[in-house]
Every structure is written in C-alpha cells, then in structure tokens.
Protein backbone atom coordinates (compact mmCIF):
# COMPACT_ATOMS: atom_id res chain seq x y z
CA MET A 1 -31.50 13.35 41.24
CA SER A 2 -34.40 16.14 41.38
CA TYR A 3 -34.98 17.69 44.97
CA GLU A 4 -38.51 17.08 44.05
CA LYS A 5 -38.00 13.25 44.01
CA LEU A 6 -35.35 13.55 46.91
CA PHE A 7 -37.85 14.79 49.33
CA ASN A 8 -40.74 12.65 48.50
CA ASP A 9 -38.00 9.77 48.99
CA PHE A 10 -37.05 11.04 52.23
CA LEU A 11 -40.75 11.92 53.10
CA ALA A 12 -41.97 8.64 52.35
CA SER A 13 -38.82 6.86 54.35
CA GLY A 14 -39.69 9.19 57.74
CA LEU A 15 -36.13 11.09 57.19
CA ILE A 16 -38.32 14.42 56.71
CA LYS A 17 -41.80 15.70 57.84
CA ARG A 18 -43.67 18.68 55.95
CA LEU A 19 -43.75 22.01 57.79
CA ASP A 20 -45.50 25.32 57.05
CA VAL A 21 -42.88 27.54 56.02
CA ASN A 22 -42.30 30.06 58.70
CA PHE A 23 -40.08 33.22 57.35
CA ILE A 24 -39.30 34.22 60.89
CA GLN A 25 -38.10 30.69 61.88
CA ILE A 26 -35.67 31.17 58.63
CA GLU A 27 -34.52 34.52 59.66
CA LYS A 28 -33.81 33.39 63.12
CA LEU A 29 -31.73 30.71 62.17
CA ILE A 30 -29.75 32.70 59.59
CA GLN A 31 -29.16 34.88 62.16
CA ARG A 32 -27.98 32.50 64.47
CA ALA A 33 -25.44 31.06 61.68
CA GLN A 34 -24.12 34.82 61.58
CA LYS A 35 -23.44 34.57 65.07
CA ASP A 36 -22.04 31.12 65.17
CA LEU A 37 -19.81 32.30 62.55
CA ILE A 38 -18.48 35.03 64.79
CA VAL A 39 -18.33 33.06 67.77
CA ALA A 40 -16.10 30.46 65.92
CA GLU A 41 -13.91 33.49 64.60
CA LYS A 42 -13.64 34.83 68.24
CA ASN A 43 -12.34 31.16 69.41
CA LEU A 44 -9.92 30.44 67.09
CA THR A 45 -7.18 31.70 69.45
CA ILE A 46 -8.55 29.49 72.00
CA ASP A 47 -10.06 26.49 71.19
CA GLU A 48 -9.89 25.21 67.86
CA GLU A 49 -12.27 22.24 68.18
CA VAL A 50 -14.96 24.83 69.55
CA ALA A 51 -14.20 27.30 66.67
CA TYR A 52 -14.89 24.64 64.37
CA ASN A 53 -17.52 23.35 66.07
CA TYR A 54 -19.11 26.56 65.52
CA ALA A 55 -18.42 26.99 62.02
CA TYR A 56 -20.42 23.62 61.41
CA LEU A 57 -23.28 24.36 63.11
CA ALA A 58 -23.40 27.78 61.62
CA MET A 59 -23.80 25.65 58.35
CA LEU A 60 -25.99 23.17 59.64
CA ARG A 61 -28.36 26.12 60.67
CA SER A 62 -28.62 27.93 57.57
CA GLY A 63 -29.08 24.51 56.09
CA ARG A 64 -32.58 23.67 58.03
CA ALA A 65 -33.36 27.08 56.86
CA LEU A 66 -33.07 26.00 53.60
CA LEU A 67 -35.22 22.98 54.19
CA PHE A 68 -37.80 25.30 56.03
CA LEU A 69 -37.95 27.34 53.04
CA LYS A 70 -39.17 24.46 51.25
CA GLY A 71 -41.63 23.59 53.61
CA PHE A 72 -39.95 20.49 55.07
CA ARG A 73 -37.52 19.56 58.31
CA PRO A 74 -35.59 16.94 59.26
CA SER A 75 -37.34 14.21 61.47
CA ASP A 76 -35.09 11.27 62.28
CA GLY A 77 -32.10 10.01 64.14
CA GLN A 78 -29.50 11.42 61.34
CA GLN A 79 -31.02 15.16 60.87
CA HIS A 80 -27.59 16.60 60.09
CA LYS A 81 -26.73 13.62 57.25
CA THR A 82 -30.57 14.88 56.02
CA VAL A 83 -29.83 18.06 55.96
CA ILE A 84 -26.66 17.79 53.94
CA ASP A 85 -28.51 15.43 51.40
CA ILE A 86 -31.15 17.94 50.83
CA ALA A 87 -28.95 21.22 50.59
CA GLN A 88 -27.44 19.68 47.88
CA ALA A 89 -30.32 18.36 45.91
CA ILE A 90 -31.48 21.93 46.09
CA LEU A 91 -28.41 23.91 45.78
CA GLY A 92 -27.16 21.57 42.74
CA LYS A 93 -24.31 21.16 40.78
CA GLU A 94 -22.77 24.67 41.15
CA PHE A 95 -22.13 23.94 44.81
CA GLU A 96 -21.66 20.32 44.64
CA LEU A 97 -17.83 20.86 46.42
CA LEU A 98 -19.23 22.99 48.82
CA VAL A 99 -21.79 20.67 50.28
CA GLU A 100 -19.20 17.97 50.06
CA LYS A 101 -17.13 20.01 52.34
CA PHE A 102 -19.98 20.48 54.83
CA ASP A 103 -20.21 16.85 54.72
CA LYS A 104 -16.68 16.30 55.74
CA MET A 105 -16.98 18.82 58.20
CA ARG A 106 -19.89 16.70 60.02
CA ARG A 107 -17.58 13.56 59.75
CA LYS A 108 -14.70 15.33 61.25
CA ARG A 109 -16.61 16.75 63.87
CA ASN A 110 -18.58 13.31 64.96
CA GLN A 111 -14.89 12.08 64.99
CA PHE A 112 -13.60 14.67 67.37
CA THR A 113 -16.47 14.86 69.69
CA TYR A 114 -16.53 10.95 70.23
CA ASP A 115 -12.64 10.40 69.53
CA PRO A 116 -10.04 12.27 71.92
CA PHE A 117 -7.50 11.05 69.25
CA PHE A 118 -8.77 13.26 66.39
CA PRO A 119 -7.67 16.60 67.45
CA VAL A 120 -8.82 19.66 65.20
CA SER A 121 -5.92 21.77 63.54
CA ARG A 122 -5.48 25.61 63.65
CA THR A 123 -5.32 25.33 59.71
CA GLU A 124 -8.32 23.27 59.95
CA SER A 125 -10.54 25.21 61.84
CA ILE A 126 -9.62 28.58 59.61
CA LYS A 127 -10.81 26.51 56.40
CA ALA A 128 -13.83 25.17 58.42
CA LEU A 129 -14.80 28.85 58.91
CA LYS A 130 -14.21 30.37 55.39
CA THR A 131 -16.19 27.31 54.18
CA ALA A 132 -19.14 27.91 56.52
CA GLY A 133 -19.02 31.53 55.80
CA TYR A 134 -19.52 30.94 52.22
CA PHE A 135 -22.20 28.22 52.73
CA VAL A 136 -23.91 30.74 54.83
CA LYS A 137 -23.51 33.58 51.92
CA VAL A 138 -24.84 30.94 49.32
CA VAL A 139 -27.95 30.07 51.53
CA SER A 140 -28.91 33.67 52.79
CA ASN A 141 -28.42 34.89 49.22
CA LEU A 142 -30.80 31.96 47.61
CA ILE A 143 -33.35 32.47 50.68
CA LYS A 144 -33.74 36.19 49.25
CA LYS A 145 -33.62 35.69 45.83
CA GLU A 146 -36.69 32.74 45.94
CA THR A 147 -38.48 35.14 48.53
CA PRO A 148 -38.28 38.69 47.08
CA ASN A 149 -41.16 39.82 48.55
CA GLN A 150 -39.90 38.46 52.16
CA ARG A 151 -38.09 41.24 54.12
CA PHE A 152 -35.33 39.85 55.95
CA ASP A 153 -32.64 41.21 58.80
CA PHE A 154 -29.80 39.09 57.85
C-alpha cells in the first residue's frame, strides 16, 4: 500500500491528524533520539530494561519526526503502532526488516513494562541499541535528503 493511501485511511479513521511542518520540532525530535541512544548505551551495564526502553524511545522519536516531516502526527490511543505503520509505508520495502524489529521492540517493551516475568537480557538490549542506532540514522538521512534546503543540527 502506498503511503498516500495509508495516510488517507489513517486520516479517515482518526489515527492521524494534519500538522504544519515544523522543522524545529523535527530537529528537536532527532536530537532527542540521538541523546536517547547515548542514555541507552550508558545504561547497558546498570539496567538492561532502561537501556532497551531508551533505544526504543530513540526509534519512536525519530519515527515521529518522519511523520512530522510528512505533515502529520498520530492522534489516537495507539500512537506507537501508528508511527510504526506509517514509518514502514514511508521507508518502504528496503527497510521492512528494520521496521519489523521496531515493532517487535514495541511489543517487548510493552511486555516488560506491564509484566515483571518478561525481563530483558543484556543481549536483547545490545541488539535493540544497534537497531535503534541504525533506524535513527536512516530516518535522519531521509529527512536531510528530502529537505536539501533545510539546515539541521543533527
């Protein structure tokens, strides 16, 4: 499905709303995502769940920046899933596996947040951090590519 069709479907169902493109917001989200990656890495030896959570947050924030770039924001009770679905549509087949990992991280994060019997291992946190770092890089590069006249500090 093209991302234009997905946007129209999501607009009609109230999953997203239109938003004026604000490059400062986009820049701040990517900067925060980069900071989240640093926080995740520094916490690997202290708390695997914190590291995993911040790796996931880095992906979520950069995914939101991608939506903002297209002039939309999520607006319902399943905002995280909406960001993932639209990120997949925007990034396309080439990054399908990466976005699938993002969605798996979302589900895992939800499990360990609400159920103490689903811990996160150090290995999972390390993989999450690598995945998040790559995702933030892909999104950052796409944002710069699609806005060549815009100067970003990230």
